[in-house]
Amino acid sequence: MKLVLHSYTFRRYPLRHVFAVAARHGWDGIELVHFHFDPARLETEVAGAVALGRRYGVGVHCLGYTGDFVGTDPADRAASLHQVERTIAAAARHGIGLVNGWSGTLERDPDDWRRNGSAIAGEAHYERAAEGYRRLGEYAHRHGVRVGVEVYPGSVHDTVAGTARLLAMVDHPAVVATADPGNAYVVSPADRDPAVLDQLAGRLGYFHLKNLRPDGGRADFNVDTAEGVLDNYAWITRAESLGVPAICVEYCGDGDPHPPIARAGDYVRDCLALRADLARRHEQAEAAGPGAGGAVLAGAARSGR
């Protein structure tokens, strides 16, 4: 599994800083978001970013996109989809196998994520999103790229259930889910249990990791990955069991991002190592059989432990 650094973490820093930090801490790649390139000059900017990453020894794993193809204006939807297609083509040109983003947002109350997105979406919004992603799936498939649909606040896919529903409507192998428990926690109680990821089995192509503390109807992201309300060991290991090929770690809080993102990388690696070690211990214990366990307990009792 690859560990990817989200460039949004260093949104106040130049792109070369992102690559340098990624190289220093041994990240396998970065997710390049629009804070670090001009969408109007996408082809040139992505080429420059890939060349820069090569100099630092860190590749671009994923390109970010932002969509707006759930609205009522057909011209706006067409322009948005064309921009995502440009992103897909740029990714393909440089061997980047994934683009990631969302289909647009529906907002009623910016201070309460629970009142936006899927809470106010009608069937027409899902149909437009599905139509757009079917088009993008076909385009991406021809270019050897996958399209990630991120669980994102305010979108029709702001929960795992909403994302699973949309992917079922799209029904294209090049369109996959990007789970983000931090984005969905305050939106849906169901998204507080890692077992919810099972709804995305076979379609989980990417995973965003951070942590949070609830702040009314919003999330406060000023916490380390190992802190906050998410049991990220449980989320990481569930995602790994479903075969997710890459986990992208981000720090979305205020202040200096360097200490929390450095700790986050170590934390994720420790979680993966712990899962592997526990699996080995379980296997050894099961192979020993029930009698061996009883002998160990008896020995411990005789010794007074």
Protein backbone atom coordinates (compact mmCIF):
# COMPACT_ATOMS: atom_id res chain seq x y z
CA MET A 1 0.00 0.00 0.00
CA LYS A 2 1.27 3.46 -0.90
CA LEU A 3 1.34 6.33 1.59
CA VAL A 4 0.54 9.63 -0.11
CA LEU A 5 0.96 13.17 1.22
CA HIS A 6 -1.89 15.54 0.40
CA SER A 7 -0.53 18.84 -0.88
CA TYR A 8 -3.44 20.70 0.79
CA THR A 9 -1.50 20.17 4.03
CA PHE A 10 1.03 22.74 2.79
CA ARG A 11 -1.43 25.03 1.03
CA ARG A 12 0.43 28.09 2.35
CA TYR A 13 3.76 26.85 0.96
CA PRO A 14 5.14 26.54 -2.57
CA LEU A 15 5.01 23.20 -4.32
CA ARG A 16 8.74 22.57 -4.06
CA HIS A 17 8.27 22.63 -0.27
CA VAL A 18 5.67 19.85 -0.53
CA PHE A 19 8.02 17.64 -2.53
CA ALA A 20 10.94 18.34 -0.20
CA VAL A 21 8.93 17.42 2.90
CA ALA A 22 7.58 14.30 1.17
CA ALA A 23 11.12 13.24 0.29
CA ARG A 24 12.41 13.92 3.79
CA HIS A 25 9.77 11.74 5.45
CA GLY A 26 9.70 8.96 2.87
CA TRP A 27 6.22 9.45 1.39
CA ASP A 28 5.51 7.41 -1.73
CA GLY A 29 3.92 10.31 -3.60
CA ILE A 30 1.71 13.38 -3.30
CA GLU A 31 -1.84 14.28 -4.19
CA LEU A 32 -1.59 17.50 -6.15
CA VAL A 33 -4.54 19.82 -5.53
CA HIS A 34 -5.48 23.06 -7.24
CA PHE A 35 -3.87 25.16 -4.50
CA HIS A 36 -0.60 24.21 -6.21
CA PHE A 37 -1.52 24.62 -9.86
CA ASP A 38 -3.54 27.00 -12.01
CA PRO A 39 -6.49 25.06 -13.51
CA ALA A 40 -6.56 27.46 -16.45
CA ARG A 41 -3.01 26.40 -17.33
CA LEU A 42 -3.49 22.81 -16.26
CA GLU A 43 -1.42 21.02 -18.89
CA THR A 44 1.63 23.23 -18.41
CA GLU A 45 1.31 23.35 -14.64
CA VAL A 46 0.98 19.58 -14.23
CA ALA A 47 3.97 18.99 -16.51
CA GLY A 48 5.99 21.40 -14.39
CA ALA A 49 4.87 19.71 -11.15
CA VAL A 50 5.82 16.26 -12.44
CA ALA A 51 9.24 17.54 -13.53
CA LEU A 52 9.75 19.20 -10.14
CA GLY A 53 8.78 16.03 -8.30
CA ARG A 54 11.26 14.05 -10.37
CA ARG A 55 14.04 16.32 -9.13
CA TYR A 56 13.06 15.60 -5.54
CA GLY A 57 12.52 11.90 -6.14
CA VAL A 58 8.80 11.98 -5.34
CA GLY A 59 6.04 11.26 -7.86
CA VAL A 60 2.55 12.67 -8.23
CA HIS A 61 0.16 9.87 -7.27
CA CYS A 62 -3.06 11.75 -7.87
CA LEU A 63 -4.39 14.96 -9.45
CA GLY A 64 -7.22 16.81 -7.76
CA TYR A 65 -10.27 18.14 -9.58
CA THR A 66 -13.30 20.13 -8.50
CA GLY A 67 -16.57 19.59 -10.32
CA ASP A 68 -19.86 21.38 -10.73
CA PHE A 69 -22.02 19.01 -12.71
CA VAL A 70 -25.07 18.69 -10.46
CA GLY A 71 -26.48 22.16 -11.15
CA THR A 72 -29.33 23.09 -13.45
CA ASP A 73 -27.33 24.90 -16.16
CA PRO A 74 -26.28 22.48 -18.93
CA ALA A 75 -23.55 24.85 -20.14
CA ASP A 76 -22.00 25.01 -16.69
CA ARG A 77 -22.13 21.24 -16.36
CA ALA A 78 -20.51 20.76 -19.77
CA ALA A 79 -17.72 23.22 -18.96
CA SER A 80 -17.06 21.52 -15.63
CA LEU A 81 -16.90 18.07 -17.18
CA HIS A 82 -14.57 19.31 -19.90
CA GLN A 83 -12.22 20.66 -17.23
CA VAL A 84 -12.16 17.27 -15.48
CA GLU A 85 -11.44 15.61 -18.82
CA ARG A 86 -8.48 17.94 -19.25
CA THR A 87 -7.29 16.83 -15.82
CA ILE A 88 -7.66 13.17 -16.78
CA ALA A 89 -5.75 13.73 -20.04
CA ALA A 90 -2.97 15.54 -18.18
CA ALA A 91 -2.75 12.71 -15.67
CA ALA A 92 -2.53 10.12 -18.44
CA ARG A 93 0.16 12.08 -20.25
CA HIS A 94 2.42 11.80 -17.21
CA GLY A 95 1.56 8.29 -16.02
CA ILE A 96 -0.62 9.46 -13.11
CA GLY A 97 -3.26 6.79 -12.64
CA LEU A 98 -5.82 8.63 -10.50
CA VAL A 99 -7.74 11.89 -10.36
CA ASN A 100 -9.81 12.69 -7.29
CA GLY A 101 -12.51 15.20 -6.42
CA TRP A 102 -16.25 15.75 -6.23
CA SER A 103 -19.22 16.52 -8.45
CA GLY A 104 -20.27 19.85 -6.94
CA THR A 105 -21.95 21.08 -3.78
CA LEU A 106 -25.44 21.95 -2.62
CA GLU A 107 -25.44 24.35 0.30
CA ARG A 108 -28.25 25.54 2.55
CA ASP A 109 -26.31 26.24 5.75
CA PRO A 110 -22.50 26.68 5.58
CA ASP A 111 -22.25 26.28 9.36
CA ASP A 112 -24.01 22.91 9.48
CA TRP A 113 -22.79 20.23 7.07
CA ARG A 114 -25.72 18.02 8.08
CA ARG A 115 -28.15 20.38 6.30
CA ASN A 116 -26.35 20.41 2.95
CA GLY A 117 -25.44 17.98 0.19
CA SER A 118 -27.38 14.73 0.32
CA ALA A 119 -29.77 16.20 2.91
CA ILE A 120 -31.26 18.51 0.27
CA ALA A 121 -30.42 16.61 -2.93
CA GLY A 122 -33.21 15.37 -5.15
CA GLU A 123 -33.19 12.52 -7.62
CA ALA A 124 -32.28 14.96 -10.40
CA HIS A 125 -29.03 15.86 -8.63
CA TYR A 126 -28.01 12.21 -8.40
CA GLU A 127 -28.97 11.66 -12.03
CA ARG A 128 -26.83 14.59 -13.18
CA ALA A 129 -23.91 13.43 -11.05
CA ALA A 130 -24.24 9.87 -12.38
CA GLU A 131 -24.49 11.08 -15.98
CA GLY A 132 -21.35 13.15 -15.50
CA TYR A 133 -19.38 10.33 -13.94
CA ARG A 134 -20.46 7.88 -16.63
CA ARG A 135 -19.02 10.26 -19.21
CA LEU A 136 -15.84 10.73 -17.16
CA GLY A 137 -15.55 6.98 -16.59
CA GLU A 138 -15.59 6.30 -20.31
CA TYR A 139 -13.09 9.05 -20.99
CA ALA A 140 -10.81 7.93 -18.15
CA HIS A 141 -10.98 4.29 -19.23
CA ARG A 142 -9.70 5.21 -22.69
CA HIS A 143 -6.79 7.02 -21.05
CA GLY A 144 -5.93 4.35 -18.48
CA VAL A 145 -6.92 6.55 -15.53
CA ARG A 146 -9.37 6.05 -12.66
CA VAL A 147 -11.72 8.75 -11.34
CA GLY A 148 -12.05 9.01 -7.56
CA VAL A 149 -15.35 10.22 -6.09
CA GLU A 150 -14.48 11.67 -2.71
CA VAL A 151 -16.83 11.55 0.26
CA TYR A 152 -17.04 15.32 0.53
CA PRO A 153 -19.19 17.69 2.65
CA GLY A 154 -21.96 19.39 0.70
CA SER A 155 -21.88 16.97 -2.22
CA VAL A 156 -24.54 14.37 -3.02
CA HIS A 157 -21.85 11.87 -2.03
CA ASP A 158 -21.14 13.34 1.42
CA THR A 159 -21.59 9.95 3.11
CA VAL A 160 -20.43 6.44 2.30
CA ALA A 161 -24.04 5.41 1.62
CA GLY A 162 -24.52 8.31 -0.79
CA THR A 163 -21.27 7.49 -2.53
CA ALA A 164 -22.19 3.82 -2.84
CA ARG A 165 -25.57 4.81 -4.27
CA LEU A 166 -23.95 7.08 -6.85
CA LEU A 167 -21.37 4.48 -7.88
CA ALA A 168 -24.13 1.92 -8.37
CA MET A 169 -25.89 4.38 -10.68
CA VAL A 170 -22.68 5.08 -12.58
CA ASP A 171 -21.69 1.40 -12.79
CA HIS A 172 -18.32 1.94 -14.43
CA PRO A 173 -15.08 0.23 -13.31
CA ALA A 174 -13.00 3.37 -13.90
CA VAL A 175 -15.05 5.32 -11.32
CA VAL A 176 -14.11 4.45 -7.74
CA ALA A 177 -14.74 5.75 -4.24
CA THR A 178 -12.40 7.83 -2.13
CA ALA A 179 -13.44 7.34 1.49
CA ASP A 180 -12.81 10.18 3.94
CA PRO A 181 -14.15 9.44 7.43
CA GLY A 182 -13.12 12.90 8.65
CA ASN A 183 -15.38 14.53 6.08
CA ALA A 184 -18.42 12.40 6.91
CA TYR A 185 -18.29 12.04 10.71
CA VAL A 186 -20.50 15.02 11.54
CA VAL A 187 -22.79 14.44 8.54
CA SER A 188 -23.91 10.89 9.32
CA PRO A 189 -23.82 8.75 12.48
CA ALA A 190 -23.43 5.67 10.26
CA ASP A 191 -20.11 7.06 9.04
CA ARG A 192 -18.60 6.82 12.52
CA ASP A 193 -18.22 3.03 12.24
CA PRO A 194 -15.41 1.67 10.04
CA ALA A 195 -17.70 -1.21 9.03
CA VAL A 196 -19.51 1.29 6.80
CA LEU A 197 -16.63 0.89 4.33
CA ASP A 198 -17.94 -2.57 3.47
CA GLN A 199 -20.56 -0.80 1.32
CA LEU A 200 -17.67 0.17 -0.96
CA ALA A 201 -16.15 -3.31 -1.23
CA GLY A 202 -14.63 -3.76 -4.67
CA ARG A 203 -14.95 -0.04 -5.40
CA LEU A 204 -12.67 1.53 -2.79
CA GLY A 205 -9.87 3.01 -4.87
CA TYR A 206 -8.39 5.58 -2.47
CA PHE A 207 -8.58 6.67 1.15
CA HIS A 208 -8.13 10.06 2.83
CA LEU A 209 -7.01 10.08 6.45
CA LYS A 210 -7.14 12.83 9.06
CA ASN A 211 -8.89 13.32 12.40
CA LEU A 212 -11.30 15.78 13.94
CA ARG A 213 -13.32 16.95 16.88
CA PRO A 214 -16.99 17.79 16.24
CA ASP A 215 -17.82 21.49 16.40
CA GLY A 216 -21.59 21.66 16.14
CA GLY A 217 -22.45 20.82 12.57
CA ARG A 218 -18.89 21.23 11.38
CA ALA A 219 -15.56 19.53 12.00
CA ASP A 220 -12.59 21.02 13.83
CA PHE A 221 -9.50 19.58 12.14
CA ASN A 222 -6.97 21.08 14.56
CA VAL A 223 -5.96 17.67 15.89
CA ASP A 224 -3.29 15.09 15.17
CA THR A 225 -4.19 12.00 13.17
CA ALA A 226 -3.90 9.81 16.27
CA GLU A 227 -6.13 12.13 18.30
CA GLY A 228 -9.71 13.31 17.84
CA VAL A 229 -12.81 11.13 17.76
CA LEU A 230 -11.86 8.76 14.93
CA ASP A 231 -10.27 5.44 15.83
CA ASN A 232 -7.96 5.63 12.85
CA TYR A 233 -6.31 2.29 13.56
CA ALA A 234 -9.73 0.71 12.93
CA TRP A 235 -10.26 2.77 9.76
CA ILE A 236 -6.79 2.07 8.36
CA THR A 237 -6.98 -1.65 8.95
CA ARG A 238 -10.52 -1.87 7.56
CA ALA A 239 -9.47 -0.04 4.42
CA GLU A 240 -6.42 -2.27 4.05
CA SER A 241 -8.55 -5.38 4.41
CA LEU A 242 -10.68 -4.11 1.51
CA GLY A 243 -7.60 -3.82 -0.66
CA VAL A 244 -7.28 -0.05 -0.92
CA PRO A 245 -4.08 0.62 -2.89
CA ALA A 246 -3.15 3.96 -1.30
CA ILE A 247 -3.84 6.04 1.80
CA CYS A 248 -3.48 9.80 1.49
CA VAL A 249 -2.79 11.65 4.74
CA GLU A 250 -3.61 15.31 5.19
CA TYR A 251 -3.55 17.92 7.93
CA CYS A 252 -6.39 20.41 7.48
CA GLY A 253 -5.92 22.41 10.68
CA ASP A 254 -4.32 25.76 11.43
CA GLY A 255 -0.78 26.55 12.51
CA ASP A 256 2.44 24.82 11.57
CA PRO A 257 1.59 21.67 9.56
CA HIS A 258 5.07 20.10 9.81
CA PRO A 259 4.89 18.43 13.26
CA PRO A 260 1.38 16.94 12.87
CA ILE A 261 2.03 15.59 9.36
CA ALA A 262 5.36 14.06 10.41
CA ARG A 263 3.63 12.35 13.33
CA ALA A 264 0.82 11.28 11.02
CA GLY A 265 3.16 9.45 8.68
CA ASP A 266 4.77 7.58 11.56
CA TYR A 267 1.36 6.81 13.02
CA VAL A 268 0.02 5.25 9.81
CA ARG A 269 3.15 3.13 9.38
CA ASP A 270 2.89 2.01 13.02
CA CYS A 271 -0.77 1.07 12.52
CA LEU A 272 0.06 -1.06 9.49
CA ALA A 273 2.99 -2.69 11.30
CA LEU A 274 0.79 -3.38 14.33
CA ARG A 275 -1.88 -5.01 12.18
CA ALA A 276 0.72 -7.27 10.57
CA ASP A 277 2.22 -8.19 13.95
CA LEU A 278 -1.16 -8.95 15.51
CA ALA A 279 -2.14 -11.08 12.52
CA ARG A 280 1.06 -13.11 12.98
CA ARG A 281 0.38 -13.55 16.71
CA HIS A 282 -3.21 -14.62 16.06
CA GLU A 283 -2.03 -17.15 13.52
CA GLN A 284 0.56 -18.56 15.94
CA ALA A 285 -1.98 -18.76 18.76
CA GLU A 286 -4.54 -20.54 16.58
CA ALA A 287 -1.92 -22.97 15.29
CA ALA A 288 -0.93 -23.81 18.86
CA GLY A 289 -4.48 -24.97 19.61
CA PRO A 290 -6.63 -24.61 22.73
CA GLY A 291 -4.47 -26.94 24.79
CA ALA A 292 -1.45 -24.73 24.44
CA GLY A 293 -3.42 -21.74 25.67
CA GLY A 294 -4.59 -23.66 28.69
CA ALA A 295 -1.02 -24.71 29.46
CA VAL A 296 0.15 -21.12 29.30
CA LEU A 297 -2.64 -20.01 31.65
CA ALA A 298 -1.92 -22.86 34.05
CA GLY A 299 1.75 -22.02 34.09
CA ALA A 300 0.99 -18.40 34.75
CA ALA A 301 -1.34 -19.36 37.64
CA ARG A 302 1.30 -21.62 39.24
CA SER A 303 3.87 -18.87 39.07
CA GLY A 304 1.50 -16.43 40.72
CA ARG A 305 1.33 -14.12 37.73
